């Protein structure tokens, strides 16, 4: 069953985040994921949305999503995001 990762980011250091972005697709592409949306100007229709970027990813299943996130390649790359931004990331089951 497909799963979706929803990421809400508050980017504080654009230069450091750019290093993360530059390497992201190269690592991500190895794990069967798909970037469905990435937006720096979300149109909030209810409540507040205090995030610099919102991203929606899809994976074929939860195991593949975890394989990507836990992979040594991604764990090395994600250190740049950790230094550059605060994030909320949730995995949501699809249909």
PDB file of N, CA and C in Angstrom:
ATOM      1  N   UNK A   1       0.840  -1.182   0.000  1.00  0.00           N
ATOM      2  CA  UNK A   1       0.000   0.000   0.000  1.00  0.00           C
ATOM      3  C   UNK A   1       0.889   1.251   0.000  1.00  0.00           C
ATOM      4  N   UNK A   2       0.592   2.184  -0.863  1.00  0.00           N
ATOM      5  CA  UNK A   2       1.371   3.419  -0.953  1.00  0.00           C
ATOM      6  C   UNK A   2       1.315   4.197   0.350  1.00  0.00           C
ATOM      7  N   UNK A   3       2.409   4.898   0.627  1.00  0.00           N
ATOM      8  CA  UNK A   3       2.448   5.818   1.757  1.00  0.00           C
ATOM      9  C   UNK A   3       2.915   7.175   1.253  1.00  0.00           C
ATOM     10  N   UNK A   4       2.513   8.194   1.967  1.00  0.00           N
ATOM     11  CA  UNK A   4       2.869   9.566   1.634  1.00  0.00           C
ATOM     12  C   UNK A   4       3.617  10.171   2.803  1.00  0.00           C
ATOM     13  N   UNK A   5       4.656  10.923   2.510  1.00  0.00           N
ATOM     14  CA  UNK A   5       5.358  11.685   3.526  1.00  0.00           C
ATOM     15  C   UNK A   5       5.025  13.145   3.296  1.00  0.00           C
ATOM     16  N   UNK A   6       4.562  13.789   4.347  1.00  0.00           N
ATOM     17  CA  UNK A   6       4.246  15.209   4.310  1.00  0.00           C
ATOM     18  C   UNK A   6       5.302  15.910   5.162  1.00  0.00           C
ATOM     19  N   UNK A   7       6.017  16.840   4.560  1.00  0.00           N
ATOM     20  CA  UNK A   7       7.062  17.564   5.278  1.00  0.00           C
ATOM     21  C   UNK A   7       6.727  19.049   5.294  1.00  0.00           C
ATOM     22  N   UNK A   8       6.787  19.618   6.493  1.00  0.00           N
ATOM     23  CA  UNK A   8       6.605  21.050   6.696  1.00  0.00           C
ATOM     24  C   UNK A   8       7.935  21.574   7.227  1.00  0.00           C
ATOM     25  N   UNK A   9       8.519  22.537   6.541  1.00  0.00           N
ATOM     26  CA  UNK A   9       9.847  23.015   6.910  1.00  0.00           C
ATOM     27  C   UNK A   9       9.858  24.509   7.163  1.00  0.00           C
ATOM     28  N   UNK A  10      10.598  24.909   8.197  1.00  0.00           N
ATOM     29  CA  UNK A  10      10.925  26.309   8.432  1.00  0.00           C
ATOM     30  C   UNK A  10      12.410  26.437   8.140  1.00  0.00           C
ATOM     31  N   UNK A  11      12.733  26.969   6.981  1.00  0.00           N
ATOM     32  CA  UNK A  11      14.123  27.065   6.548  1.00  0.00           C
ATOM     33  C   UNK A  11      14.740  28.330   7.119  1.00  0.00           C
ATOM     34  N   UNK A  12      15.836  28.151   7.862  1.00  0.00           N
ATOM     35  CA  UNK A  12      16.534  29.277   8.496  1.00  0.00           C
ATOM     36  C   UNK A  12      17.823  29.648   7.755  1.00  0.00           C
ATOM     37  N   UNK A  13      18.443  28.670   7.085  1.00  0.00           N
ATOM     38  CA  UNK A  13      19.711  28.896   6.397  1.00  0.00           C
ATOM     39  C   UNK A  13      19.586  28.368   4.967  1.00  0.00           C
ATOM     40  N   UNK A  14      19.279  29.262   4.042  1.00  0.00           N
ATOM     41  CA  UNK A  14      19.051  28.875   2.645  1.00  0.00           C
ATOM     42  C   UNK A  14      20.309  28.295   1.993  1.00  0.00           C
ATOM     43  N   UNK A  15      21.470  28.792   2.325  1.00  0.00           N
ATOM     44  CA  UNK A  15      22.694  28.262   1.725  1.00  0.00           C
ATOM     45  C   UNK A  15      22.914  26.812   2.134  1.00  0.00           C
ATOM     46  N   UNK A  16      22.765  26.505   3.397  1.00  0.00           N
ATOM     47  CA  UNK A  16      22.925  25.129   3.876  1.00  0.00           C
ATOM     48  C   UNK A  16      21.824  24.235   3.307  1.00  0.00           C
ATOM     49  N   UNK A  17      20.616  24.765   3.224  1.00  0.00           N
ATOM     50  CA  UNK A  17      19.511  23.990   2.661  1.00  0.00           C
ATOM     51  C   UNK A  17      19.760  23.691   1.182  1.00  0.00           C
ATOM     52  N   UNK A  18      20.419  24.594   0.478  1.00  0.00           N
ATOM     53  CA  UNK A  18      20.740  24.379  -0.934  1.00  0.00           C
ATOM     54  C   UNK A  18      21.646  23.171  -1.123  1.00  0.00           C
ATOM     55  N   UNK A  19      22.535  22.916  -0.164  1.00  0.00           N
ATOM     56  CA  UNK A  19      23.389  21.730  -0.236  1.00  0.00           C
ATOM     57  C   UNK A  19      22.524  20.478  -0.144  1.00  0.00           C
ATOM     58  N   UNK A  20      21.543  20.498   0.763  1.00  0.00           N
ATOM     59  CA  UNK A  20      20.603  19.387   0.901  1.00  0.00           C
ATOM     60  C   UNK A  20      19.817  19.181  -0.396  1.00  0.00           C
ATOM     61  N   UNK A  21      19.278  20.257  -0.933  1.00  0.00           N
ATOM     62  CA  UNK A  21      18.498  20.169  -2.174  1.00  0.00           C
ATOM     63  C   UNK A  21      19.313  19.603  -3.327  1.00  0.00           C
ATOM     64  N   UNK A  22      20.563  20.025  -3.438  1.00  0.00           N
ATOM     65  CA  UNK A  22      21.406  19.599  -4.548  1.00  0.00           C
ATOM     66  C   UNK A  22      21.630  18.086  -4.555  1.00  0.00           C
ATOM     67  N   UNK A  23      21.638  17.458  -3.380  1.00  0.00           N
ATOM     68  CA  UNK A  23      21.862  16.028  -3.304  1.00  0.00           C
ATOM     69  C   UNK A  23      20.613  15.189  -3.162  1.00  0.00           C
ATOM     70  N   UNK A  24      19.488  15.834  -2.942  1.00  0.00           N
ATOM     71  CA  UNK A  24      18.263  15.110  -2.585  1.00  0.00           C
ATOM     72  C   UNK A  24      17.815  14.116  -3.662  1.00  0.00           C
ATOM     73  N   UNK A  25      17.605  14.566  -4.877  1.00  0.00           N
ATOM     74  CA  UNK A  25      17.049  13.682  -5.907  1.00  0.00           C
ATOM     75  C   UNK A  25      17.953  12.507  -6.227  1.00  0.00           C
ATOM     76  N   UNK A  26      19.261  12.699  -6.150  1.00  0.00           N
ATOM     77  CA  UNK A  26      20.180  11.615  -6.411  1.00  0.00           C
ATOM     78  C   UNK A  26      20.025  10.466  -5.428  1.00  0.00           C
ATOM     79  N   UNK A  27      19.762  10.788  -4.176  1.00  0.00           N
ATOM     80  CA  UNK A  27      19.547   9.751  -3.155  1.00  0.00           C
ATOM     81  C   UNK A  27      18.110   9.250  -3.228  1.00  0.00           C
ATOM     82  N   UNK A  28      17.183  10.137  -3.295  1.00  0.00           N
ATOM     83  CA  UNK A  28      15.752   9.809  -3.280  1.00  0.00           C
ATOM     84  C   UNK A  28      15.378   8.869  -4.426  1.00  0.00           C
ATOM     85  N   UNK A  29      15.935   9.113  -5.603  1.00  0.00           N
ATOM     86  CA  UNK A  29      15.590   8.348  -6.791  1.00  0.00           C
ATOM     87  C   UNK A  29      15.930   6.871  -6.713  1.00  0.00           C
ATOM     88  N   UNK A  30      16.770   6.480  -5.792  1.00  0.00           N
ATOM     89  CA  UNK A  30      17.180   5.079  -5.648  1.00  0.00           C
ATOM     90  C   UNK A  30      16.155   4.223  -4.903  1.00  0.00           C
ATOM     91  N   UNK A  31      15.108   4.836  -4.368  1.00  0.00           N
ATOM     92  CA  UNK A  31      14.214   4.124  -3.464  1.00  0.00           C
ATOM     93  C   UNK A  31      12.754   4.081  -3.914  1.00  0.00           C
ATOM     94  N   UNK A  32      12.500   4.319  -5.183  1.00  0.00           N
ATOM     95  CA  UNK A  32      11.147   4.173  -5.705  1.00  0.00           C
ATOM     96  C   UNK A  32      10.175   5.248  -5.274  1.00  0.00           C
ATOM     97  N   UNK A  33      10.697   6.352  -4.757  1.00  0.00           N
ATOM     98  CA  UNK A  33       9.827   7.438  -4.330  1.00  0.00           C
ATOM     99  C   UNK A  33       9.488   8.380  -5.466  1.00  0.00           C
ATOM    100  N   UNK A  34       8.492   9.189  -5.231  1.00  0.00           N
ATOM    101  CA  UNK A  34       8.063  10.186  -6.210  1.00  0.00           C
ATOM    102  C   UNK A  34       7.754  11.482  -5.477  1.00  0.00           C
ATOM    103  N   UNK A  35       8.289  12.586  -5.974  1.00  0.00           N
ATOM    104  CA  UNK A  35       7.958  13.904  -5.425  1.00  0.00           C
ATOM    105  C   UNK A  35       6.653  14.333  -6.072  1.00  0.00           C
ATOM    106  N   UNK A  36       5.605  14.463  -5.280  1.00  0.00           N
ATOM    107  CA  UNK A  36       4.301  14.869  -5.807  1.00  0.00           C
ATOM    108  C   UNK A  36       4.108  16.376  -5.765  1.00  0.00           C
ATOM    109  N   UNK A  37       4.688  17.027  -4.760  1.00  0.00           N
ATOM    110  CA  UNK A  37       4.543  18.473  -4.641  1.00  0.00           C
ATOM    111  C   UNK A  37       5.663  19.028  -3.776  1.00  0.00           C
ATOM    112  N   UNK A  38       6.094  20.220  -4.109  1.00  0.00           N
ATOM    113  CA  UNK A  38       7.047  20.980  -3.297  1.00  0.00           C
ATOM    114  C   UNK A  38       6.708  22.444  -3.522  1.00  0.00           C
ATOM    115  N   UNK A  39       6.366  23.142  -2.459  1.00  0.00           N
ATOM    116  CA  UNK A  39       5.848  24.504  -2.605  1.00  0.00           C
ATOM    117  C   UNK A  39       6.427  25.405  -1.525  1.00  0.00           C
ATOM    118  N   UNK A  40       6.943  26.556  -1.947  1.00  0.00           N
ATOM    119  CA  UNK A  40       7.456  27.558  -1.014  1.00  0.00           C
ATOM    120  C   UNK A  40       6.427  28.642  -0.714  1.00  0.00           C
ATOM    121  N   UNK A  41       5.255  28.563  -1.324  1.00  0.00           N
ATOM    122  CA  UNK A  41       4.220  29.590  -1.129  1.00  0.00           C
ATOM    123  C   UNK A  41       2.852  28.921  -1.062  1.00  0.00           C
ATOM    124  N   UNK A  42       2.663  28.085  -0.045  1.00  0.00           N
ATOM    125  CA  UNK A  42       1.400  27.367   0.113  1.00  0.00           C
ATOM    126  C   UNK A  42       0.262  28.360   0.319  1.00  0.00           C
ATOM    127  N   UNK A  43      -0.868  28.089  -0.290  1.00  0.00           N
ATOM    128  CA  UNK A  43      -2.064  28.893  -0.091  1.00  0.00           C
ATOM    129  C   UNK A  43      -2.890  28.234   1.014  1.00  0.00           C
ATOM    130  N   UNK A  44      -2.831  28.806   2.182  1.00  0.00           N
ATOM    131  CA  UNK A  44      -3.516  28.243   3.346  1.00  0.00           C
ATOM    132  C   UNK A  44      -4.987  28.636   3.302  1.00  0.00           C
ATOM    133  N   UNK A  45      -5.868  27.640   3.350  1.00  0.00           N
ATOM    134  CA  UNK A  45      -7.301  27.942   3.298  1.00  0.00           C
ATOM    135  C   UNK A  45      -7.972  27.860   4.660  1.00  0.00           C
ATOM    136  N   UNK A  46      -7.254  27.352   5.658  1.00  0.00           N
ATOM    137  CA  UNK A  46      -7.793  27.321   7.016  1.00  0.00           C
ATOM    138  C   UNK A  46      -6.636  27.256   7.996  1.00  0.00           C
ATOM    139  N   UNK A  47      -6.728  28.008   9.083  1.00  0.00           N
ATOM    140  CA  UNK A  47      -5.677  28.000  10.098  1.00  0.00           C
ATOM    141  C   UNK A  47      -4.457  28.791   9.657  1.00  0.00           C
ATOM    142  N   UNK A  48      -3.314  28.442  10.253  1.00  0.00           N
ATOM    143  CA  UNK A  48      -2.052  29.129   9.961  1.00  0.00           C
ATOM    144  C   UNK A  48      -1.078  28.128   9.367  1.00  0.00           C
ATOM    145  N   UNK A  49      -0.203  28.612   8.506  1.00  0.00           N
ATOM    146  CA  UNK A  49       0.793  27.753   7.873  1.00  0.00           C
ATOM    147  C   UNK A  49       2.131  28.487   7.912  1.00  0.00           C
ATOM    148  N   UNK A  50       2.829  28.424   9.031  1.00  0.00           N
ATOM    149  CA  UNK A  50       4.057  29.219   9.193  1.00  0.00           C
ATOM    150  C   UNK A  50       5.313  28.534   8.663  1.00  0.00           C
ATOM    151  N   UNK A  51       5.219  27.852   7.539  1.00  0.00           N
ATOM    152  CA  UNK A  51       6.349  27.077   7.025  1.00  0.00           C
ATOM    153  C   UNK A  51       6.902  27.696   5.761  1.00  0.00           C
ATOM    154  N   UNK A  52       8.208  27.572   5.567  1.00  0.00           N
ATOM    155  CA  UNK A  52       8.880  28.087   4.378  1.00  0.00           C
ATOM    156  C   UNK A  52       8.652  27.188   3.171  1.00  0.00           C
ATOM    157  N   UNK A  53       8.507  25.884   3.427  1.00  0.00           N
ATOM    158  CA  UNK A  53       8.360  24.909   2.341  1.00  0.00           C
ATOM    159  C   UNK A  53       7.506  23.748   2.821  1.00  0.00           C
ATOM    160  N   UNK A  54       6.679  23.249   1.914  1.00  0.00           N
ATOM    161  CA  UNK A  54       5.881  22.052   2.167  1.00  0.00           C
ATOM    162  C   UNK A  54       6.147  21.079   1.031  1.00  0.00           C
ATOM    163  N   UNK A  55       6.372  19.812   1.397  1.00  0.00           N
ATOM    164  CA  UNK A  55       6.719  18.788   0.407  1.00  0.00           C
ATOM    165  C   UNK A  55       5.829  17.574   0.626  1.00  0.00           C
ATOM    166  N   UNK A  56       5.389  16.984  -0.479  1.00  0.00           N
ATOM    167  CA  UNK A  56       4.600  15.752  -0.443  1.00  0.00           C
ATOM    168  C   UNK A  56       5.319  14.703  -1.286  1.00  0.00           C
ATOM    169  N   UNK A  57       5.677  13.596  -0.640  1.00  0.00           N
ATOM    170  CA  UNK A  57       6.382  12.490  -1.301  1.00  0.00           C
ATOM    171  C   UNK A  57       5.514  11.249  -1.264  1.00  0.00           C
ATOM    172  N   UNK A  58       5.689  10.380  -2.260  1.00  0.00           N
ATOM    173  CA  UNK A  58       4.967   9.112  -2.271  1.00  0.00           C
ATOM    174  C   UNK A  58       5.966   7.974  -2.450  1.00  0.00           C
ATOM    175  N   UNK A  59       5.745   6.890  -1.703  1.00  0.00           N
ATOM    176  CA  UNK A  59       6.531   5.668  -1.827  1.00  0.00           C
ATOM    177  C   UNK A  59       5.582   4.505  -2.047  1.00  0.00           C
ATOM    178  N   UNK A  60       6.065   3.431  -2.666  1.00  0.00           N
ATOM    179  CA  UNK A  60       5.200   2.270  -2.904  1.00  0.00           C
ATOM    180  C   UNK A  60       4.679   1.644  -1.611  1.00  0.00           C
ATOM    181  N   UNK A  61       5.475   1.732  -0.542  1.00  0.00           N
ATOM    182  CA  UNK A  61       5.048   1.177   0.744  1.00  0.00           C
ATOM    183  C   UNK A  61       5.907   1.766   1.859  1.00  0.00           C
ATOM    184  N   UNK A  62       5.504   1.496   3.084  1.00  0.00           N
ATOM    185  CA  UNK A  62       6.191   2.060   4.249  1.00  0.00           C
ATOM    186  C   UNK A  62       7.610   1.526   4.377  1.00  0.00           C
ATOM    187  N   UNK A  63       7.816   0.272   4.019  1.00  0.00           N
ATOM    188  CA  UNK A  63       9.162  -0.293   4.122  1.00  0.00           C
ATOM    189  C   UNK A  63      10.148   0.456   3.224  1.00  0.00           C
ATOM    190  N   UNK A  64       9.718   0.778   2.022  1.00  0.00           N
ATOM    191  CA  UNK A  64      10.607   1.493   1.105  1.00  0.00           C
ATOM    192  C   UNK A  64      10.859   2.918   1.597  1.00  0.00           C
ATOM    193  N   UNK A  65       9.861   3.556   2.168  1.00  0.00           N
ATOM    194  CA  UNK A  65      10.039   4.899   2.732  1.00  0.00           C
ATOM    195  C   UNK A  65      11.069   4.862   3.853  1.00  0.00           C
ATOM    196  N   UNK A  66      10.976   3.870   4.718  1.00  0.00           N
ATOM    197  CA  UNK A  66      11.934   3.740   5.827  1.00  0.00           C
ATOM    198  C   UNK A  66      13.321   3.379   5.305  1.00  0.00           C
ATOM    199  N   UNK A  67      13.396   2.537   4.270  1.00  0.00           N
ATOM    200  CA  UNK A  67      14.701   2.201   3.686  1.00  0.00           C
ATOM    201  C   UNK A  67      15.397   3.455   3.177  1.00  0.00           C
ATOM    202  N   UNK A  68      14.621   4.333   2.529  1.00  0.00           N
ATOM    203  CA  UNK A  68      15.178   5.610   2.056  1.00  0.00           C
ATOM    204  C   UNK A  68      15.634   6.460   3.234  1.00  0.00           C
ATOM    205  N   UNK A  69      14.726   6.695   4.179  1.00  0.00           N
ATOM    206  CA  UNK A  69      15.042   7.608   5.284  1.00  0.00           C
ATOM    207  C   UNK A  69      16.217   7.099   6.109  1.00  0.00           C
ATOM    208  N   UNK A  70      16.273   5.804   6.343  1.00  0.00           N
ATOM    209  CA  UNK A  70      17.319   5.217   7.188  1.00  0.00           C
ATOM    210  C   UNK A  70      18.609   4.896   6.440  1.00  0.00           C
ATOM    211  N   UNK A  71      18.625   5.061   5.122  1.00  0.00           N
ATOM    212  CA  UNK A  71      19.808   4.698   4.336  1.00  0.00           C
ATOM    213  C   UNK A  71      21.004   5.564   4.739  1.00  0.00           C
ATOM    214  N   UNK A  72      22.196   4.983   4.702  1.00  0.00           N
ATOM    215  CA  UNK A  72      23.397   5.763   5.023  1.00  0.00           C
ATOM    216  C   UNK A  72      23.546   7.008   4.137  1.00  0.00           C
ATOM    217  N   UNK A  73      23.181   6.886   2.854  1.00  0.00           N
ATOM    218  CA  UNK A  73      23.302   8.037   1.942  1.00  0.00           C
ATOM    219  C   UNK A  73      22.403   9.183   2.385  1.00  0.00           C
ATOM    220  N   UNK A  74      21.136   8.855   2.726  1.00  0.00           N
ATOM    221  CA  UNK A  74      20.237   9.929   3.131  1.00  0.00           C
ATOM    222  C   UNK A  74      20.622  10.473   4.502  1.00  0.00           C
ATOM    223  N   UNK A  75      21.015   9.610   5.407  1.00  0.00           N
ATOM    224  CA  UNK A  75      21.394  10.082   6.742  1.00  0.00           C
ATOM    225  C   UNK A  75      22.596  11.020   6.692  1.00  0.00           C
ATOM    226  N   UNK A  76      23.490  10.802   5.748  1.00  0.00           N
ATOM    227  CA  UNK A  76      24.606  11.736   5.567  1.00  0.00           C
ATOM    228  C   UNK A  76      24.100  13.063   5.006  1.00  0.00           C
ATOM    229  N   UNK A  77      23.246  12.999   3.994  1.00  0.00           N
ATOM    230  CA  UNK A  77      22.720  14.205   3.363  1.00  0.00           C
ATOM    231  C   UNK A  77      21.824  15.009   4.292  1.00  0.00           C
ATOM    232  N   UNK A  78      20.986  14.340   5.069  1.00  0.00           N
ATOM    233  CA  UNK A  78      19.992  15.032   5.886  1.00  0.00           C
ATOM    234  C   UNK A  78      20.631  15.905   6.970  1.00  0.00           C
ATOM    235  N   UNK A  79      21.891  15.676   7.262  1.00  0.00           N
ATOM    236  CA  UNK A  79      22.576  16.524   8.251  1.00  0.00           C
ATOM    237  C   UNK A  79      22.561  17.992   7.816  1.00  0.00           C
ATOM    238  N   UNK A  80      22.599  18.231   6.507  1.00  0.00           N
ATOM    239  CA  UNK A  80      22.510  19.612   6.001  1.00  0.00           C
ATOM    240  C   UNK A  80      21.136  20.205   6.308  1.00  0.00           C
ATOM    241  N   UNK A  81      20.079  19.408   6.124  1.00  0.00           N
ATOM    242  CA  UNK A  81      18.740  19.910   6.438  1.00  0.00           C
ATOM    243  C   UNK A  81      18.598  20.148   7.928  1.00  0.00           C
ATOM    244  N   UNK A  82      19.135  19.254   8.742  1.00  0.00           N
ATOM    245  CA  UNK A  82      19.065  19.439  10.195  1.00  0.00           C
ATOM    246  C   UNK A  82      19.692  20.770  10.609  1.00  0.00           C
ATOM    247  N   UNK A  83      20.794  21.146   9.947  1.00  0.00           N
ATOM    248  CA  UNK A  83      21.456  22.414  10.276  1.00  0.00           C
ATOM    249  C   UNK A  83      20.704  23.615   9.706  1.00  0.00           C
ATOM    250  N   UNK A  84      19.935  23.403   8.640  1.00  0.00           N
ATOM    251  CA  UNK A  84      19.327  24.514   7.912  1.00  0.00           C
ATOM    252  C   UNK A  84      17.879  24.803   8.276  1.00  0.00           C
ATOM    253  N   UNK A  85      17.167  23.801   8.804  1.00  0.00           N
ATOM    254  CA  UNK A  85      15.712  23.978   8.951  1.00  0.00           C
ATOM    255  C   UNK A  85      15.169  23.131  10.099  1.00  0.00           C
ATOM    256  N   UNK A  86      14.041  23.576  10.611  1.00  0.00           N
ATOM    257  CA  UNK A  86      13.233  22.760  11.514  1.00  0.00           C
ATOM    258  C   UNK A  86      12.156  22.110  10.657  1.00  0.00           C
ATOM    259  N   UNK A  87      11.825  20.854  10.964  1.00  0.00           N
ATOM    260  CA  UNK A  87      10.862  20.153  10.118  1.00  0.00           C
ATOM    261  C   UNK A  87       9.904  19.303  10.935  1.00  0.00           C
ATOM    262  N   UNK A  88       8.694  19.178  10.420  1.00  0.00           N
ATOM    263  CA  UNK A  88       7.723  18.189  10.860  1.00  0.00           C
ATOM    264  C   UNK A  88       7.525  17.275   9.658  1.00  0.00           C
ATOM    265  N   UNK A  89       7.679  15.973   9.872  1.00  0.00           N
ATOM    266  CA  UNK A  89       7.504  15.019   8.778  1.00  0.00           C
ATOM    267  C   UNK A  89       6.621  13.884   9.285  1.00  0.00           C
ATOM    268  N   UNK A  90       5.567  13.599   8.537  1.00  0.00           N
ATOM    269  CA  UNK A  90       4.638  12.541   8.928  1.00  0.00           C
ATOM    270  C   UNK A  90       4.459  11.580   7.769  1.00  0.00           C
ATOM    271  N   UNK A  91       4.295  10.286   8.109  1.00  0.00           N
ATOM    272  CA  UNK A  91       3.992   9.265   7.112  1.00  0.00           C
ATOM    273  C   UNK A  91       2.501   8.948   7.204  1.00  0.00           C
ATOM    274  N   UNK A  92       1.842   9.010   6.061  1.00  0.00           N
ATOM    275  CA  UNK A  92       0.397   8.802   5.990  1.00  0.00           C
ATOM    276  C   UNK A  92       0.113   7.632   5.066  1.00  0.00           C
ATOM    277  N   UNK A  93      -0.712   6.693   5.512  1.00  0.00           N
ATOM    278  CA  UNK A  93      -1.096   5.541   4.676  1.00  0.00           C
ATOM    279  C   UNK A  93      -2.002   5.992   3.546  1.00  0.00           C
ATOM    280  N   UNK A  94      -1.760   5.441   2.363  1.00  0.00           N
ATOM    281  CA  UNK A  94      -2.609   5.714   1.213  1.00  0.00           C
ATOM    282  C   UNK A  94      -3.661   4.632   1.040  1.00  0.00           C
ATOM    283  N   UNK A  95      -4.368   4.713  -0.052  1.00  0.00           N
ATOM    284  CA  UNK A  95      -5.407   3.726  -0.368  1.00  0.00           C
ATOM    285  C   UNK A  95      -4.930   2.792  -1.440  1.00  0.00           C
TER     286      UNK A  95
END
